[in-house]
Amino acid sequence: MPINADIIGTLAATLTTLCWAPQALRILRTRDTKAISLVTQSAFAGGVALWLIYGLMIGSAPVIVANAVTFVLVSAIVAMKIRFG
């Protein structure tokens, strides 16, 4: 039985998206952002936004959902870095 490419994409998207949740939750809990690079996180957020646009353009649900959730998480990290220093 061949594995559907959307299944692989969905699994990959789930793993790479969920990896940001612990970081965001830790920052919310501790308010400690000194180890986080604002430039790196901002550049990553920009890249994720572009992936989201790409997903919308090609109509790929795994790309759209993963990057929408990742964008929210990474944007929250950027906002907390700006707020908490």
PDB file of N, CA and C in Angstrom:
ATOM      1  N   MET A   1       0.846  -1.189   0.000  1.00  0.00           N
ATOM      2  CA  MET A   1       0.000   0.000   0.000  1.00  0.00           C
ATOM      3  C   MET A   1       0.889   1.250   0.000  1.00  0.00           C
ATOM      4  N   PRO A   2       0.822   2.074  -1.044  1.00  0.00           N
ATOM      5  CA  PRO A   2       1.643   3.292  -1.085  1.00  0.00           C
ATOM      6  C   PRO A   2       1.118   4.338  -0.098  1.00  0.00           C
ATOM      7  N   ILE A   3       2.054   5.071   0.453  1.00  0.00           N
ATOM      8  CA  ILE A   3       1.688   6.132   1.395  1.00  0.00           C
ATOM      9  C   ILE A   3       1.367   7.397   0.601  1.00  0.00           C
ATOM     10  N   ASN A   4       0.263   8.002   0.906  1.00  0.00           N
ATOM     11  CA  ASN A   4      -0.185   9.225   0.252  1.00  0.00           C
ATOM     12  C   ASN A   4       0.737  10.386   0.652  1.00  0.00           C
ATOM     13  N   ALA A   5       1.096  11.211  -0.307  1.00  0.00           N
ATOM     14  CA  ALA A   5       1.979  12.357  -0.045  1.00  0.00           C
ATOM     15  C   ALA A   5       1.355  13.318   0.965  1.00  0.00           C
ATOM     16  N   ASP A   6       0.031  13.447   0.960  1.00  0.00           N
ATOM     17  CA  ASP A   6      -0.617  14.338   1.930  1.00  0.00           C
ATOM     18  C   ASP A   6      -0.470  13.821   3.351  1.00  0.00           C
ATOM     19  N   ILE A   7      -0.411  12.502   3.518  1.00  0.00           N
ATOM     20  CA  ILE A   7      -0.206  11.941   4.856  1.00  0.00           C
ATOM     21  C   ILE A   7       1.192  12.303   5.357  1.00  0.00           C
ATOM     22  N   ILE A   8       2.191  12.131   4.503  1.00  0.00           N
ATOM     23  CA  ILE A   8       3.564  12.498   4.860  1.00  0.00           C
ATOM     24  C   ILE A   8       3.641  13.994   5.163  1.00  0.00           C
ATOM     25  N   GLY A   9       3.031  14.810   4.309  1.00  0.00           N
ATOM     26  CA  GLY A   9       3.026  16.263   4.517  1.00  0.00           C
ATOM     27  C   GLY A   9       2.349  16.655   5.810  1.00  0.00           C
ATOM     28  N   THR A  10       1.260  16.002   6.125  1.00  0.00           N
ATOM     29  CA  THR A  10       0.538  16.302   7.357  1.00  0.00           C
ATOM     30  C   THR A  10       1.352  15.906   8.585  1.00  0.00           C
ATOM     31  N   LEU A  11       1.982  14.749   8.547  1.00  0.00           N
ATOM     32  CA  LEU A  11       2.832  14.328   9.665  1.00  0.00           C
ATOM     33  C   LEU A  11       4.019  15.276   9.843  1.00  0.00           C
ATOM     34  N   ALA A  12       4.669  15.625   8.746  1.00  0.00           N
ATOM     35  CA  ALA A  12       5.806  16.553   8.820  1.00  0.00           C
ATOM     36  C   ALA A  12       5.354  17.906   9.358  1.00  0.00           C
ATOM     37  N   ALA A  13       4.238  18.393   8.859  1.00  0.00           N
ATOM     38  CA  ALA A  13       3.716  19.683   9.293  1.00  0.00           C
ATOM     39  C   ALA A  13       3.362  19.661  10.778  1.00  0.00           C
ATOM     40  N   THR A  14       2.781  18.570  11.242  1.00  0.00           N
ATOM     41  CA  THR A  14       2.415  18.452  12.651  1.00  0.00           C
ATOM     42  C   THR A  14       3.650  18.509  13.541  1.00  0.00           C
ATOM     43  N   LEU A  15       4.667  17.735  13.192  1.00  0.00           N
ATOM     44  CA  LEU A  15       5.883  17.712  13.995  1.00  0.00           C
ATOM     45  C   LEU A  15       6.598  19.058  14.007  1.00  0.00           C
ATOM     46  N   THR A  16       6.769  19.676  12.843  1.00  0.00           N
ATOM     47  CA  THR A  16       7.514  20.933  12.790  1.00  0.00           C
ATOM     48  C   THR A  16       6.721  22.099  13.373  1.00  0.00           C
ATOM     49  N   THR A  17       5.421  21.990  13.390  1.00  0.00           N
ATOM     50  CA  THR A  17       4.595  23.040  13.989  1.00  0.00           C
ATOM     51  C   THR A  17       4.567  22.916  15.511  1.00  0.00           C
ATOM     52  N   LEU A  18       4.339  21.717  15.994  1.00  0.00           N
ATOM     53  CA  LEU A  18       4.226  21.514  17.434  1.00  0.00           C
ATOM     54  C   LEU A  18       5.526  21.755  18.182  1.00  0.00           C
ATOM     55  N   CYS A  19       6.653  21.717  17.486  1.00  0.00           N
ATOM     56  CA  CYS A  19       7.929  21.938  18.179  1.00  0.00           C
ATOM     57  C   CYS A  19       8.035  23.360  18.730  1.00  0.00           C
ATOM     58  N   TRP A  20       7.240  24.300  18.232  1.00  0.00           N
ATOM     59  CA  TRP A  20       7.288  25.678  18.712  1.00  0.00           C
ATOM     60  C   TRP A  20       6.436  25.894  19.954  1.00  0.00           C
ATOM     61  N   ALA A  21       5.478  25.029  20.199  1.00  0.00           N
ATOM     62  CA  ALA A  21       4.592  25.204  21.348  1.00  0.00           C
ATOM     63  C   ALA A  21       5.338  25.194  22.686  1.00  0.00           C
ATOM     64  N   PRO A  22       6.257  24.238  22.936  1.00  0.00           N
ATOM     65  CA  PRO A  22       6.958  24.272  24.230  1.00  0.00           C
ATOM     66  C   PRO A  22       7.743  25.563  24.463  1.00  0.00           C
ATOM     67  N   GLN A  23       8.358  26.103  23.400  1.00  0.00           N
ATOM     68  CA  GLN A  23       9.114  27.348  23.549  1.00  0.00           C
ATOM     69  C   GLN A  23       8.189  28.497  23.910  1.00  0.00           C
ATOM     70  N   ALA A  24       7.080  28.607  23.205  1.00  0.00           N
ATOM     71  CA  ALA A  24       6.128  29.682  23.483  1.00  0.00           C
ATOM     72  C   ALA A  24       5.559  29.552  24.894  1.00  0.00           C
ATOM     73  N   LEU A  25       5.211  28.340  25.304  1.00  0.00           N
ATOM     74  CA  LEU A  25       4.673  28.134  26.651  1.00  0.00           C
ATOM     75  C   LEU A  25       5.709  28.443  27.725  1.00  0.00           C
ATOM     76  N   ARG A  26       6.959  28.065  27.482  1.00  0.00           N
ATOM     77  CA  ARG A  26       8.020  28.354  28.446  1.00  0.00           C
ATOM     78  C   ARG A  26       8.196  29.854  28.630  1.00  0.00           C
ATOM     79  N   ILE A  27       8.192  30.583  27.512  1.00  0.00           N
ATOM     80  CA  ILE A  27       8.346  32.038  27.599  1.00  0.00           C
ATOM     81  C   ILE A  27       7.156  32.654  28.333  1.00  0.00           C
ATOM     82  N   LEU A  28       5.956  32.181  28.050  1.00  0.00           N
ATOM     83  CA  LEU A  28       4.781  32.688  28.758  1.00  0.00           C
ATOM     84  C   LEU A  28       4.894  32.442  30.258  1.00  0.00           C
ATOM     85  N   ARG A  29       5.393  31.270  30.626  1.00  0.00           N
ATOM     86  CA  ARG A  29       5.500  30.897  32.039  1.00  0.00           C
ATOM     87  C   ARG A  29       6.616  31.653  32.763  1.00  0.00           C
ATOM     88  N   THR A  30       7.786  31.791  32.112  1.00  0.00           N
ATOM     89  CA  THR A  30       8.957  32.357  32.795  1.00  0.00           C
ATOM     90  C   THR A  30       9.206  33.826  32.485  1.00  0.00           C
ATOM     91  N   ARG A  31       8.664  34.314  31.383  1.00  0.00           N
ATOM     92  CA  ARG A  31       8.927  35.677  30.897  1.00  0.00           C
ATOM     93  C   ARG A  31      10.407  35.884  30.545  1.00  0.00           C
ATOM     94  N   ASP A  32      11.144  34.793  30.381  1.00  0.00           N
ATOM     95  CA  ASP A  32      12.571  34.854  30.075  1.00  0.00           C
ATOM     96  C   ASP A  32      12.799  34.676  28.577  1.00  0.00           C
ATOM     97  N   THR A  33      13.282  35.733  27.929  1.00  0.00           N
ATOM     98  CA  THR A  33      13.526  35.683  26.484  1.00  0.00           C
ATOM     99  C   THR A  33      14.968  36.012  26.118  1.00  0.00           C
ATOM    100  N   LYS A  34      15.855  36.089  27.105  1.00  0.00           N
ATOM    101  CA  LYS A  34      17.214  36.529  26.806  1.00  0.00           C
ATOM    102  C   LYS A  34      17.962  35.576  25.867  1.00  0.00           C
ATOM    103  N   ALA A  35      17.607  34.306  25.850  1.00  0.00           N
ATOM    104  CA  ALA A  35      18.283  33.347  24.971  1.00  0.00           C
ATOM    105  C   ALA A  35      17.677  33.309  23.568  1.00  0.00           C
ATOM    106  N   ILE A  36      16.655  34.106  23.333  1.00  0.00           N
ATOM    107  CA  ILE A  36      15.962  34.121  22.044  1.00  0.00           C
ATOM    108  C   ILE A  36      16.473  35.292  21.206  1.00  0.00           C
ATOM    109  N   SER A  37      16.844  35.021  19.962  1.00  0.00           N
ATOM    110  CA  SER A  37      17.301  36.069  19.060  1.00  0.00           C
ATOM    111  C   SER A  37      16.101  36.696  18.346  1.00  0.00           C
ATOM    112  N   LEU A  38      15.920  38.003  18.536  1.00  0.00           N
ATOM    113  CA  LEU A  38      14.823  38.710  17.879  1.00  0.00           C
ATOM    114  C   LEU A  38      14.989  38.682  16.365  1.00  0.00           C
ATOM    115  N   VAL A  39      16.199  38.875  15.879  1.00  0.00           N
ATOM    116  CA  VAL A  39      16.442  38.873  14.426  1.00  0.00           C
ATOM    117  C   VAL A  39      16.108  37.508  13.831  1.00  0.00           C
ATOM    118  N   THR A  40      16.577  36.452  14.470  1.00  0.00           N
ATOM    119  CA  THR A  40      16.322  35.105  13.955  1.00  0.00           C
ATOM    120  C   THR A  40      14.838  34.774  13.975  1.00  0.00           C
ATOM    121  N   GLN A  41      14.174  35.047  15.084  1.00  0.00           N
ATOM    122  CA  GLN A  41      12.748  34.741  15.188  1.00  0.00           C
ATOM    123  C   GLN A  41      11.924  35.581  14.207  1.00  0.00           C
ATOM    124  N   SER A  42      12.311  36.829  14.003  1.00  0.00           N
ATOM    125  CA  SER A  42      11.599  37.686  13.055  1.00  0.00           C
ATOM    126  C   SER A  42      11.785  37.197  11.620  1.00  0.00           C
ATOM    127  N   ALA A  43      13.012  36.817  11.287  1.00  0.00           N
ATOM    128  CA  ALA A  43      13.276  36.285   9.946  1.00  0.00           C
ATOM    129  C   ALA A  43      12.503  34.985   9.734  1.00  0.00           C
ATOM    130  N   PHE A  44      12.472  34.147  10.754  1.00  0.00           N
ATOM    131  CA  PHE A  44      11.730  32.892  10.650  1.00  0.00           C
ATOM    132  C   PHE A  44      10.239  33.164  10.459  1.00  0.00           C
ATOM    133  N   ALA A  45       9.696  34.121  11.207  1.00  0.00           N
ATOM    134  CA  ALA A  45       8.281  34.476  11.067  1.00  0.00           C
ATOM    135  C   ALA A  45       7.987  34.961   9.644  1.00  0.00           C
ATOM    136  N   GLY A  46       8.903  35.747   9.090  1.00  0.00           N
ATOM    137  CA  GLY A  46       8.728  36.203   7.707  1.00  0.00           C
ATOM    138  C   GLY A  46       8.733  35.046   6.726  1.00  0.00           C
ATOM    139  N   GLY A  47       9.642  34.095   6.919  1.00  0.00           N
ATOM    140  CA  GLY A  47       9.694  32.922   6.053  1.00  0.00           C
ATOM    141  C   GLY A  47       8.440  32.084   6.164  1.00  0.00           C
ATOM    142  N   VAL A  48       7.941  31.910   7.377  1.00  0.00           N
ATOM    143  CA  VAL A  48       6.713  31.145   7.590  1.00  0.00           C
ATOM    144  C   VAL A  48       5.531  31.850   6.930  1.00  0.00           C
ATOM    145  N   ALA A  49       5.497  33.171   7.005  1.00  0.00           N
ATOM    146  CA  ALA A  49       4.420  33.926   6.346  1.00  0.00           C
ATOM    147  C   ALA A  49       4.449  33.678   4.837  1.00  0.00           C
ATOM    148  N   LEU A  50       5.647  33.641   4.272  1.00  0.00           N
ATOM    149  CA  LEU A  50       5.760  33.370   2.837  1.00  0.00           C
ATOM    150  C   LEU A  50       5.328  31.939   2.495  1.00  0.00           C
ATOM    151  N   TRP A  51       5.680  30.965   3.355  1.00  0.00           N
ATOM    152  CA  TRP A  51       5.219  29.592   3.152  1.00  0.00           C
ATOM    153  C   TRP A  51       3.696  29.526   3.231  1.00  0.00           C
ATOM    154  N   LEU A  52       3.104  30.294   4.132  1.00  0.00           N
ATOM    155  CA  LEU A  52       1.645  30.330   4.249  1.00  0.00           C
ATOM    156  C   LEU A  52       1.024  30.875   2.972  1.00  0.00           C
ATOM    157  N   ILE A  53       1.580  31.946   2.462  1.00  0.00           N
ATOM    158  CA  ILE A  53       1.086  32.512   1.198  1.00  0.00           C
ATOM    159  C   ILE A  53       1.223  31.495   0.078  1.00  0.00           C
ATOM    160  N   TYR A  54       2.360  30.820   0.019  1.00  0.00           N
ATOM    161  CA  TYR A  54       2.583  29.786  -0.995  1.00  0.00           C
ATOM    162  C   TYR A  54       1.535  28.677  -0.862  1.00  0.00           C
ATOM    163  N   GLY A  55       1.290  28.225   0.366  1.00  0.00           N
ATOM    164  CA  GLY A  55       0.283  27.189   0.584  1.00  0.00           C
ATOM    165  C   GLY A  55      -1.089  27.622   0.115  1.00  0.00           C
ATOM    166  N   LEU A  56      -1.435  28.881   0.373  1.00  0.00           N
ATOM    167  CA  LEU A  56      -2.717  29.406  -0.107  1.00  0.00           C
ATOM    168  C   LEU A  56      -2.764  29.436  -1.632  1.00  0.00           C
ATOM    169  N   MET A  57      -1.661  29.800  -2.243  1.00  0.00           N
ATOM    170  CA  MET A  57      -1.612  29.882  -3.705  1.00  0.00           C
ATOM    171  C   MET A  57      -1.759  28.507  -4.371  1.00  0.00           C
ATOM    172  N   ILE A  58      -1.192  27.469  -3.755  1.00  0.00           N
ATOM    173  CA  ILE A  58      -1.278  26.136  -4.364  1.00  0.00           C
ATOM    174  C   ILE A  58      -2.428  25.311  -3.788  1.00  0.00           C
ATOM    175  N   GLY A  59      -3.081  25.832  -2.768  1.00  0.00           N
ATOM    176  CA  GLY A  59      -4.230  25.151  -2.181  1.00  0.00           C
ATOM    177  C   GLY A  59      -3.882  23.882  -1.422  1.00  0.00           C
ATOM    178  N   SER A  60      -2.747  23.881  -0.744  1.00  0.00           N
ATOM    179  CA  SER A  60      -2.312  22.701   0.001  1.00  0.00           C
ATOM    180  C   SER A  60      -2.680  22.845   1.474  1.00  0.00           C
ATOM    181  N   ALA A  61      -3.654  22.053   1.928  1.00  0.00           N
ATOM    182  CA  ALA A  61      -4.108  22.137   3.316  1.00  0.00           C
ATOM    183  C   ALA A  61      -2.985  21.902   4.326  1.00  0.00           C
ATOM    184  N   PRO A  62      -2.125  20.879   4.148  1.00  0.00           N
ATOM    185  CA  PRO A  62      -1.061  20.697   5.144  1.00  0.00           C
ATOM    186  C   PRO A  62      -0.124  21.903   5.240  1.00  0.00           C
ATOM    187  N   VAL A  63       0.195  22.513   4.118  1.00  0.00           N
ATOM    188  CA  VAL A  63       1.087  23.674   4.114  1.00  0.00           C
ATOM    189  C   VAL A  63       0.388  24.875   4.751  1.00  0.00           C
ATOM    190  N   ILE A  64      -0.873  25.057   4.441  1.00  0.00           N
ATOM    191  CA  ILE A  64      -1.634  26.191   4.981  1.00  0.00           C
ATOM    192  C   ILE A  64      -1.787  26.076   6.496  1.00  0.00           C
ATOM    193  N   VAL A  65      -2.279  24.952   6.964  1.00  0.00           N
ATOM    194  CA  VAL A  65      -2.549  24.785   8.395  1.00  0.00           C
ATOM    195  C   VAL A  65      -1.260  24.855   9.205  1.00  0.00           C
ATOM    196  N   ALA A  66      -0.249  24.119   8.759  1.00  0.00           N
ATOM    197  CA  ALA A  66       1.009  24.099   9.511  1.00  0.00           C
ATOM    198  C   ALA A  66       1.614  25.484   9.621  1.00  0.00           C
ATOM    199  N   ASN A  67       1.642  26.205   8.529  1.00  0.00           N
ATOM    200  CA  ASN A  67       2.279  27.516   8.558  1.00  0.00           C
ATOM    201  C   ASN A  67       1.424  28.565   9.242  1.00  0.00           C
ATOM    202  N   ALA A  68       0.116  28.421   9.214  1.00  0.00           N
ATOM    203  CA  ALA A  68      -0.748  29.348   9.954  1.00  0.00           C
ATOM    204  C   ALA A  68      -0.518  29.187  11.458  1.00  0.00           C
ATOM    205  N   VAL A  69      -0.488  27.942  11.921  1.00  0.00           N
ATOM    206  CA  VAL A  69      -0.273  27.691  13.353  1.00  0.00           C
ATOM    207  C   VAL A  69       1.141  28.101  13.757  1.00  0.00           C
ATOM    208  N   THR A  70       2.125  27.732  12.941  1.00  0.00           N
ATOM    209  CA  THR A  70       3.512  28.098  13.239  1.00  0.00           C
ATOM    210  C   THR A  70       3.670  29.606  13.281  1.00  0.00           C
ATOM    211  N   PHE A  71       3.028  30.311  12.350  1.00  0.00           N
ATOM    212  CA  PHE A  71       3.122  31.771  12.319  1.00  0.00           C
ATOM    213  C   PHE A  71       2.568  32.379  13.610  1.00  0.00           C
ATOM    214  N   VAL A  72       1.461  31.853  14.089  1.00  0.00           N
ATOM    215  CA  VAL A  72       0.882  32.355  15.338  1.00  0.00           C
ATOM    216  C   VAL A  72       1.847  32.131  16.497  1.00  0.00           C
ATOM    217  N   LEU A  73       2.401  30.916  16.592  1.00  0.00           N
ATOM    218  CA  LEU A  73       3.323  30.602  17.692  1.00  0.00           C
ATOM    219  C   LEU A  73       4.590  31.451  17.634  1.00  0.00           C
ATOM    220  N   VAL A  74       5.191  31.548  16.451  1.00  0.00           N
ATOM    221  CA  VAL A  74       6.435  32.305  16.320  1.00  0.00           C
ATOM    222  C   VAL A  74       6.174  33.807  16.497  1.00  0.00           C
ATOM    223  N   SER A  75       5.050  34.286  16.014  1.00  0.00           N
ATOM    224  CA  SER A  75       4.708  35.698  16.218  1.00  0.00           C
ATOM    225  C   SER A  75       4.525  35.999  17.705  1.00  0.00           C
ATOM    226  N   ALA A  76       3.948  35.046  18.431  1.00  0.00           N
ATOM    227  CA  ALA A  76       3.805  35.224  19.880  1.00  0.00           C
ATOM    228  C   ALA A  76       5.176  35.287  20.547  1.00  0.00           C
ATOM    229  N   ILE A  77       6.109  34.451  20.093  1.00  0.00           N
ATOM    230  CA  ILE A  77       7.462  34.480  20.634  1.00  0.00           C
ATOM    231  C   ILE A  77       8.127  35.824  20.341  1.00  0.00           C
ATOM    232  N   VAL A  78       7.964  36.321  19.127  1.00  0.00           N
ATOM    233  CA  VAL A  78       8.539  37.625  18.753  1.00  0.00           C
ATOM    234  C   VAL A  78       7.922  38.726  19.619  1.00  0.00           C
ATOM    235  N   ALA A  79       6.612  38.692  19.784  1.00  0.00           N
ATOM    236  CA  ALA A  79       5.938  39.714  20.594  1.00  0.00           C
ATOM    237  C   ALA A  79       6.417  39.672  22.043  1.00  0.00           C
ATOM    238  N   MET A  80       6.586  38.464  22.572  1.00  0.00           N
ATOM    239  CA  MET A  80       7.068  38.348  23.954  1.00  0.00           C
ATOM    240  C   MET A  80       8.535  38.791  24.068  1.00  0.00           C
ATOM    241  N   LYS A  81       9.327  38.544  23.035  1.00  0.00           N
ATOM    242  CA  LYS A  81      10.720  39.003  23.049  1.00  0.00           C
ATOM    243  C   LYS A  81      10.746  40.527  23.088  1.00  0.00           C
ATOM    244  N   ILE A  82       9.905  41.151  22.291  1.00  0.00           N
ATOM    245  CA  ILE A  82       9.846  42.612  22.270  1.00  0.00           C
ATOM    246  C   ILE A  82       9.335  43.136  23.628  1.00  0.00           C
ATOM    247  N   ARG A  83       8.315  42.499  24.176  1.00  0.00           N
ATOM    248  CA  ARG A  83       7.737  42.961  25.432  1.00  0.00           C
ATOM    249  C   ARG A  83       8.628  42.707  26.643  1.00  0.00           C
ATOM    250  N   PHE A  84       9.210  41.514  26.722  1.00  0.00           N
ATOM    251  CA  PHE A  84       9.980  41.127  27.912  1.00  0.00           C
ATOM    252  C   PHE A  84      11.475  41.321  27.760  1.00  0.00           C
ATOM    253  N   GLY A  85      11.905  41.700  26.561  1.00  0.00           N
ATOM    254  CA  GLY A  85      13.332  41.942  26.336  1.00  0.00           C
ATOM    255  C   GLY A  85      14.089  40.702  26.155  1.00  0.00           C
TER     256      GLY A  85
END
